Structure formats: C-alpha cells, structure tokens
Amino acid sequence: LIPEGQSDTACFDNALELLVMGGYSLTHAAMLLIPEAWAGNDLMNKKRKAFYEHHAALMEPWDGPAAVAFTDGIQIGATLDRNGLRPARYLITDDDLVVMASEMGVLDIPEEKIIKKWRLQPGKMFLIDLEKGQIIDDETIKNELADEQDYAKILAENTNSN
C-alpha cells in the first residue's frame, strides 16, 4: 500500500489516497492523518475531542513538520500540522483568486484587489469547495465531521476501563 523507500510526501499521498478510496471524505482523511492538538485541550468542543480520540486508536498522527495541500478535483484544501513549524500564508482577491504559499508576495497582486490576508495556523484547515463556490472555514469543517457520529458513545461502548 505504501511502498518502502518513498519520500515522506509520497507516503502521505499514498495514505491519503487509501483513506479516500476506502470511503473517507477528503477532509475526514486529512483530519485523521494530521489531527490538531486535541489531547489536554479543555477548550475544544467535546464532540470534536471525541472524534480525535476515536481516530487516534486507528492511526498515529503524521506530525510533520508539514504544510500539506490536497485536492480531489472538487475540493482544494490545506492543513498545517499541530506544531505549526511550516509557514502557509494565503490571500483572497475581490475576483475570487486564492493564493497560498510559504510567504506573501509570490505573485504581484495589487493591494486594492486583496480582500483578505491571513496565515494557516497550527492544526487548522483551509478548504475551497469548487462545486459550492465557497470557502469553508476550519470550525465548520471539523464540527460537521464531529457531528456525523456519536464518537463519545462509540468510545464509551468500546473502551475497556479495567
């Protein structure tokens, strides 16, 4: 499934492809492979924390350092590992151009055209849905996935407390 001797990037690509071909959505697969820092985070939504705890039993995190871009032709996304050691900056223009790179200024875009400049933060995800024609924020992506199943119940039913 993941041939020996490949680069980390090629291995990640194979793992992501395997998960997507196995039925996971692109964002679900990316969250499974590169989770945000959830253990010990008392401020995190309980459903999302249960999502990550459940998936932690399935796979070790890909801990980078990594800024990863991914696409299936319908959605284009990027995520930064939870340590946040790789730069990933983006801008959005008034004519719907989105540019993400390790630094600002890789393209000569007039300031008056830029409606947003920001950076991808540790453990966060950025997603463009081409079918819907919208950018979906990190909170929406992750809360929707965490709400798909009752992960806390699954954990309670399948955890041995002895």
C-alpha atoms as a PDB file:
ATOM      1  CA  LEU A   1       0.000   0.000   0.000  1.00  0.00           C
ATOM      2  CA  ILE A   2       2.821   2.375   0.874  1.00  0.00           C
ATOM      3  CA  PRO A   3       5.997   1.211  -0.881  1.00  0.00           C
ATOM      4  CA  GLU A   4       9.214   1.274   1.115  1.00  0.00           C
ATOM      5  CA  GLY A   5      11.813   3.860   0.178  1.00  0.00           C
ATOM      6  CA  GLN A   6       9.426   6.662  -0.787  1.00  0.00           C
ATOM      7  CA  SER A   7       9.683  10.210   0.496  1.00  0.00           C
ATOM      8  CA  ASP A   8       7.507  11.299   3.422  1.00  0.00           C
ATOM      9  CA  THR A   9       5.416  13.279   0.942  1.00  0.00           C
ATOM     10  CA  ALA A  10       4.825  10.253  -1.286  1.00  0.00           C
ATOM     11  CA  CYS A  11       3.929   8.116   1.743  1.00  0.00           C
ATOM     12  CA  PHE A  12       1.462  10.744   2.935  1.00  0.00           C
ATOM     13  CA  ASP A  13      -0.069  10.948  -0.547  1.00  0.00           C
ATOM     14  CA  ASN A  14      -0.484   7.150  -0.626  1.00  0.00           C
ATOM     15  CA  ALA A  15      -2.066   7.117   2.842  1.00  0.00           C
ATOM     16  CA  LEU A  16      -4.474   9.948   1.975  1.00  0.00           C
ATOM     17  CA  GLU A  17      -5.429   8.253  -1.291  1.00  0.00           C
ATOM     18  CA  LEU A  18      -6.003   4.930   0.503  1.00  0.00           C
ATOM     19  CA  LEU A  19      -8.337   6.545   3.043  1.00  0.00           C
ATOM     20  CA  VAL A  20     -10.304   8.444   0.378  1.00  0.00           C
ATOM     21  CA  MET A  21     -10.581   5.361  -1.850  1.00  0.00           C
ATOM     22  CA  GLY A  22     -11.742   3.479   1.265  1.00  0.00           C
ATOM     23  CA  GLY A  23     -14.705   5.820   1.723  1.00  0.00           C
ATOM     24  CA  TYR A  24     -13.477   8.675   3.894  1.00  0.00           C
ATOM     25  CA  SER A  25     -14.160  12.190   2.654  1.00  0.00           C
ATOM     26  CA  LEU A  26     -11.087  14.198   1.714  1.00  0.00           C
ATOM     27  CA  THR A  27     -11.344  16.401   4.811  1.00  0.00           C
ATOM     28  CA  HIS A  28     -12.023  13.436   7.108  1.00  0.00           C
ATOM     29  CA  ALA A  29      -8.938  11.647   5.784  1.00  0.00           C
ATOM     30  CA  ALA A  30      -6.805  14.778   6.208  1.00  0.00           C
ATOM     31  CA  MET A  31      -8.043  15.240   9.795  1.00  0.00           C
ATOM     32  CA  LEU A  32      -7.323  11.594  10.577  1.00  0.00           C
ATOM     33  CA  LEU A  33      -3.766  11.843   9.239  1.00  0.00           C
ATOM     34  CA  ILE A  34      -2.915  15.319  10.568  1.00  0.00           C
ATOM     35  CA  PRO A  35      -5.045  15.973  13.662  1.00  0.00           C
ATOM     36  CA  GLU A  36      -4.939  19.230  15.533  1.00  0.00           C
ATOM     37  CA  ALA A  37      -3.660  19.216  19.126  1.00  0.00           C
ATOM     38  CA  TRP A  38      -6.638  17.794  20.982  1.00  0.00           C
ATOM     39  CA  ALA A  39      -5.332  15.830  23.985  1.00  0.00           C
ATOM     40  CA  GLY A  40      -5.435  18.006  27.071  1.00  0.00           C
ATOM     41  CA  ASN A  41      -7.245  20.813  25.236  1.00  0.00           C
ATOM     42  CA  ASP A  42     -10.064  21.665  27.645  1.00  0.00           C
ATOM     43  CA  LEU A  43     -11.324  24.447  25.373  1.00  0.00           C
ATOM     44  CA  MET A  44     -12.071  22.094  22.468  1.00  0.00           C
ATOM     45  CA  ASN A  45     -15.648  21.144  21.659  1.00  0.00           C
ATOM     46  CA  LYS A  46     -16.358  17.774  23.370  1.00  0.00           C
ATOM     47  CA  LYS A  47     -17.715  16.191  20.186  1.00  0.00           C
ATOM     48  CA  ARG A  48     -14.622  17.165  18.239  1.00  0.00           C
ATOM     49  CA  LYS A  49     -12.362  15.889  21.013  1.00  0.00           C
ATOM     50  CA  ALA A  50     -14.204  12.534  20.955  1.00  0.00           C
ATOM     51  CA  PHE A  51     -13.772  12.451  17.158  1.00  0.00           C
ATOM     52  CA  TYR A  52      -9.999  12.789  17.550  1.00  0.00           C
ATOM     53  CA  GLU A  53      -9.791  10.336  20.460  1.00  0.00           C
ATOM     54  CA  HIS A  54     -11.687   7.727  18.431  1.00  0.00           C
ATOM     55  CA  HIS A  55      -9.449   8.197  15.401  1.00  0.00           C
ATOM     56  CA  ALA A  56      -6.252   8.188  17.493  1.00  0.00           C
ATOM     57  CA  ALA A  57      -6.903   4.484  18.069  1.00  0.00           C
ATOM     58  CA  LEU A  58      -6.903   3.915  14.302  1.00  0.00           C
ATOM     59  CA  MET A  59      -3.737   5.718  13.252  1.00  0.00           C
ATOM     60  CA  GLU A  60      -0.724   7.562  14.600  1.00  0.00           C
ATOM     61  CA  PRO A  61      -0.652  11.246  13.604  1.00  0.00           C
ATOM     62  CA  TRP A  62       1.536  12.471  10.775  1.00  0.00           C
ATOM     63  CA  ASP A  63       3.379  15.032  12.856  1.00  0.00           C
ATOM     64  CA  GLY A  64       5.390  16.834  10.247  1.00  0.00           C
ATOM     65  CA  PRO A  65       6.667  19.444  10.217  1.00  0.00           C
ATOM     66  CA  ALA A  66       4.242  19.806   7.364  1.00  0.00           C
ATOM     67  CA  ALA A  67       2.071  22.203   5.473  1.00  0.00           C
ATOM     68  CA  VAL A  68       0.003  19.982   3.186  1.00  0.00           C
ATOM     69  CA  ALA A  69      -2.190  20.875   0.221  1.00  0.00           C
ATOM     70  CA  PHE A  70      -4.694  18.348  -1.116  1.00  0.00           C
ATOM     71  CA  THR A  71      -7.456  18.078  -3.721  1.00  0.00           C
ATOM     72  CA  ASP A  72      -9.887  15.639  -5.252  1.00  0.00           C
ATOM     73  CA  GLY A  73     -10.818  17.944  -8.128  1.00  0.00           C
ATOM     74  CA  ILE A  74     -13.929  19.164  -6.292  1.00  0.00           C
ATOM     75  CA  GLN A  75     -12.374  20.441  -3.095  1.00  0.00           C
ATOM     76  CA  ILE A  76      -8.982  22.051  -2.629  1.00  0.00           C
ATOM     77  CA  GLY A  77      -7.622  22.263   0.864  1.00  0.00           C
ATOM     78  CA  ALA A  78      -4.582  22.764   3.005  1.00  0.00           C
ATOM     79  CA  THR A  79      -3.706  21.961   6.571  1.00  0.00           C
ATOM     80  CA  LEU A  80      -0.822  22.715   8.870  1.00  0.00           C
ATOM     81  CA  ASP A  81       0.366  20.136  11.393  1.00  0.00           C
ATOM     82  CA  ARG A  82      -0.268  20.836  15.061  1.00  0.00           C
ATOM     83  CA  ASN A  83       3.282  22.054  15.679  1.00  0.00           C
ATOM     84  CA  GLY A  84       2.935  24.798  13.070  1.00  0.00           C
ATOM     85  CA  LEU A  85       6.588  24.874  12.039  1.00  0.00           C
ATOM     86  CA  ARG A  86       5.945  25.396   8.313  1.00  0.00           C
ATOM     87  CA  PRO A  87       4.699  28.733   7.018  1.00  0.00           C
ATOM     88  CA  ALA A  88       1.474  28.777   4.992  1.00  0.00           C
ATOM     89  CA  ARG A  89       0.119  32.216   4.134  1.00  0.00           C
ATOM     90  CA  TYR A  90      -2.844  32.956   1.919  1.00  0.00           C
ATOM     91  CA  LEU A  91      -4.725  35.796   0.350  1.00  0.00           C
ATOM     92  CA  ILE A  92      -8.087  36.155  -1.356  1.00  0.00           C
ATOM     93  CA  THR A  93      -8.790  38.747  -4.033  1.00  0.00           C
ATOM     94  CA  ASP A  94     -12.007  40.520  -4.962  1.00  0.00           C
ATOM     95  CA  ASP A  95     -12.185  38.431  -8.167  1.00  0.00           C
ATOM     96  CA  ASP A  96     -12.035  35.108  -6.246  1.00  0.00           C
ATOM     97  CA  LEU A  97      -8.367  34.298  -6.727  1.00  0.00           C
ATOM     98  CA  VAL A  98      -6.888  32.400  -3.787  1.00  0.00           C
ATOM     99  CA  VAL A  99      -3.112  32.200  -3.398  1.00  0.00           C
ATOM    100  CA  MET A 100      -1.401  30.110  -0.727  1.00  0.00           C
ATOM    101  CA  ALA A 101       2.371  29.968  -0.393  1.00  0.00           C
ATOM    102  CA  SER A 102       5.094  29.879   2.215  1.00  0.00           C
ATOM    103  CA  GLU A 103       5.285  33.675   2.102  1.00  0.00           C
ATOM    104  CA  MET A 104       3.348  36.676   0.832  1.00  0.00           C
ATOM    105  CA  GLY A 105       4.400  38.361  -2.378  1.00  0.00           C
ATOM    106  CA  VAL A 106       4.931  35.299  -4.580  1.00  0.00           C
ATOM    107  CA  LEU A 107       2.605  36.925  -7.122  1.00  0.00           C
ATOM    108  CA  ASP A 108       2.383  40.615  -7.905  1.00  0.00           C
ATOM    109  CA  ILE A 109      -1.191  41.393  -6.855  1.00  0.00           C
ATOM    110  CA  PRO A 110      -2.291  44.994  -6.285  1.00  0.00           C
ATOM    111  CA  GLU A 111      -3.180  45.620  -2.620  1.00  0.00           C
ATOM    112  CA  GLU A 112      -6.549  47.139  -3.560  1.00  0.00           C
ATOM    113  CA  LYS A 113      -7.648  43.765  -5.027  1.00  0.00           C
ATOM    114  CA  ILE A 114      -6.858  41.840  -1.825  1.00  0.00           C
ATOM    115  CA  ILE A 115      -9.859  41.353   0.458  1.00  0.00           C
ATOM    116  CA  LYS A 116      -8.194  39.049   2.980  1.00  0.00           C
ATOM    117  CA  LYS A 117      -4.655  38.150   4.024  1.00  0.00           C
ATOM    118  CA  TRP A 118      -4.053  35.553   6.663  1.00  0.00           C
ATOM    119  CA  ARG A 119      -1.983  32.548   7.639  1.00  0.00           C
ATOM    120  CA  LEU A 120      -2.889  28.951   8.227  1.00  0.00           C
ATOM    121  CA  GLN A 121      -2.497  28.335  11.942  1.00  0.00           C
ATOM    122  CA  PRO A 122      -1.214  25.166  13.661  1.00  0.00           C
ATOM    123  CA  GLY A 123      -3.704  22.305  13.307  1.00  0.00           C
ATOM    124  CA  LYS A 124      -6.108  24.342  11.195  1.00  0.00           C
ATOM    125  CA  MET A 125      -7.563  23.581   7.784  1.00  0.00           C
ATOM    126  CA  PHE A 126      -8.466  25.779   4.822  1.00  0.00           C
ATOM    127  CA  LEU A 127     -10.922  24.424   2.235  1.00  0.00           C
ATOM    128  CA  ILE A 128     -12.333  25.647  -1.054  1.00  0.00           C
ATOM    129  CA  ASP A 129     -15.367  23.766  -2.370  1.00  0.00           C
ATOM    130  CA  LEU A 130     -15.463  24.311  -6.129  1.00  0.00           C
ATOM    131  CA  GLU A 131     -18.963  22.805  -6.533  1.00  0.00           C
ATOM    132  CA  LYS A 132     -20.445  25.114  -3.894  1.00  0.00           C
ATOM    133  CA  GLY A 133     -18.235  28.030  -4.913  1.00  0.00           C
ATOM    134  CA  GLN A 134     -17.276  28.823  -1.337  1.00  0.00           C
ATOM    135  CA  ILE A 135     -14.502  28.759   1.193  1.00  0.00           C
ATOM    136  CA  ILE A 136     -15.361  26.605   4.193  1.00  0.00           C
ATOM    137  CA  ASP A 137     -13.758  27.623   7.477  1.00  0.00           C
ATOM    138  CA  ASP A 138     -11.943  25.286   9.861  1.00  0.00           C
ATOM    139  CA  GLU A 139     -14.656  25.304  12.538  1.00  0.00           C
ATOM    140  CA  THR A 140     -17.402  24.375  10.070  1.00  0.00           C
ATOM    141  CA  ILE A 141     -15.385  21.539   8.504  1.00  0.00           C
ATOM    142  CA  LYS A 142     -14.430  19.982  11.815  1.00  0.00           C
ATOM    143  CA  ASN A 143     -17.722  20.442  13.637  1.00  0.00           C
ATOM    144  CA  GLU A 144     -19.672  18.885  10.743  1.00  0.00           C
ATOM    145  CA  LEU A 145     -17.408  15.834  10.760  1.00  0.00           C
ATOM    146  CA  ALA A 146     -17.504  15.538  14.556  1.00  0.00           C
ATOM    147  CA  ASP A 147     -21.325  15.648  14.421  1.00  0.00           C
ATOM    148  CA  GLU A 148     -21.616  12.829  11.845  1.00  0.00           C
ATOM    149  CA  GLN A 149     -21.474  10.133  14.538  1.00  0.00           C
ATOM    150  CA  ASP A 150     -21.693   9.982  18.311  1.00  0.00           C
ATOM    151  CA  TYR A 151     -17.981   9.356  18.825  1.00  0.00           C
ATOM    152  CA  ALA A 152     -18.244   9.738  22.615  1.00  0.00           C
ATOM    153  CA  LYS A 153     -20.797   6.906  22.692  1.00  0.00           C
ATOM    154  CA  ILE A 154     -18.641   4.742  20.402  1.00  0.00           C
ATOM    155  CA  LEU A 155     -15.667   5.319  22.714  1.00  0.00           C
ATOM    156  CA  ALA A 156     -17.691   4.523  25.842  1.00  0.00           C
ATOM    157  CA  GLU A 157     -19.045   1.305  24.319  1.00  0.00           C
ATOM    158  CA  ASN A 158     -15.655   0.128  23.087  1.00  0.00           C
ATOM    159  CA  THR A 159     -13.247   1.194  25.811  1.00  0.00           C
ATOM    160  CA  ASN A 160     -12.166  -1.276  28.461  1.00  0.00           C
ATOM    161  CA  SER A 161     -11.741   0.566  31.755  1.00  0.00           C
ATOM    162  CA  ASN A 162     -10.027  -2.337  33.566  1.00  0.00           C
END
